[in-house]
Amino acid sequence: MNGHARYGNILVSDLRTKINPQRLQCLFSKLVTHKAHINTYLLPLQNTQNQHKLPIVKGSDTEAMYLKCIELFIADHQEIKTVRVQPMRFYGVPNEKVSITWELPLDGVLCVARENLYGGVFSNRDLRRELVPVELITIAKKDKNSISDIEIINGHDDAFLDLILFSVQP
């Protein structure tokens, strides 16, 4: 897929030409738990009140790429004033299914990376699609959304799913 594709209330955007996921690996490799890092940003992002509590260095390439991910998500949401962002890493566990859960109402999900996994399929009434690295799924209307459990393909290699979840407030 190149560019954008719409499926009912869902917009899927291929961001391969806009995001370098390697510049975000530093952030995800330092996440201790997938539930600990919810950050709220007031728009515009240049606002000095915006502070994120993430394991990234202020002014670094990692921070710049993280902020670019947020900007790409909000590009089609001119009406929003606040966006909550939750970067998450889910590790595969040998011989077990790992549930994908989150704490925010889901308005968008950006898959940054996935390694050595089955599953990780986004579903709602308009779309069922495996989460693919550097693909952004934007949900235009509140709906019941889910992401299927993940399982390791090869138990001898690392397995993880890196996501950035978005929740908006008008």
Foldseek 3Di string as FASTA:
>chain_A
DAAWDDFPQKIKGQCPVPADLVLQVVQAVPDPAQAPWKFKAFPPNVDPVGDGDTPDDPPDSNVVRVVSVVCVLCVVPPPFGMKIKGKGKDWADAPDWAADDYDAQFFKKAWADWDQKDFQWKDWPRDTGHHDHRMMMGGRDRGDMGGGTIHGNDNVDITMTIMMTMDTDD
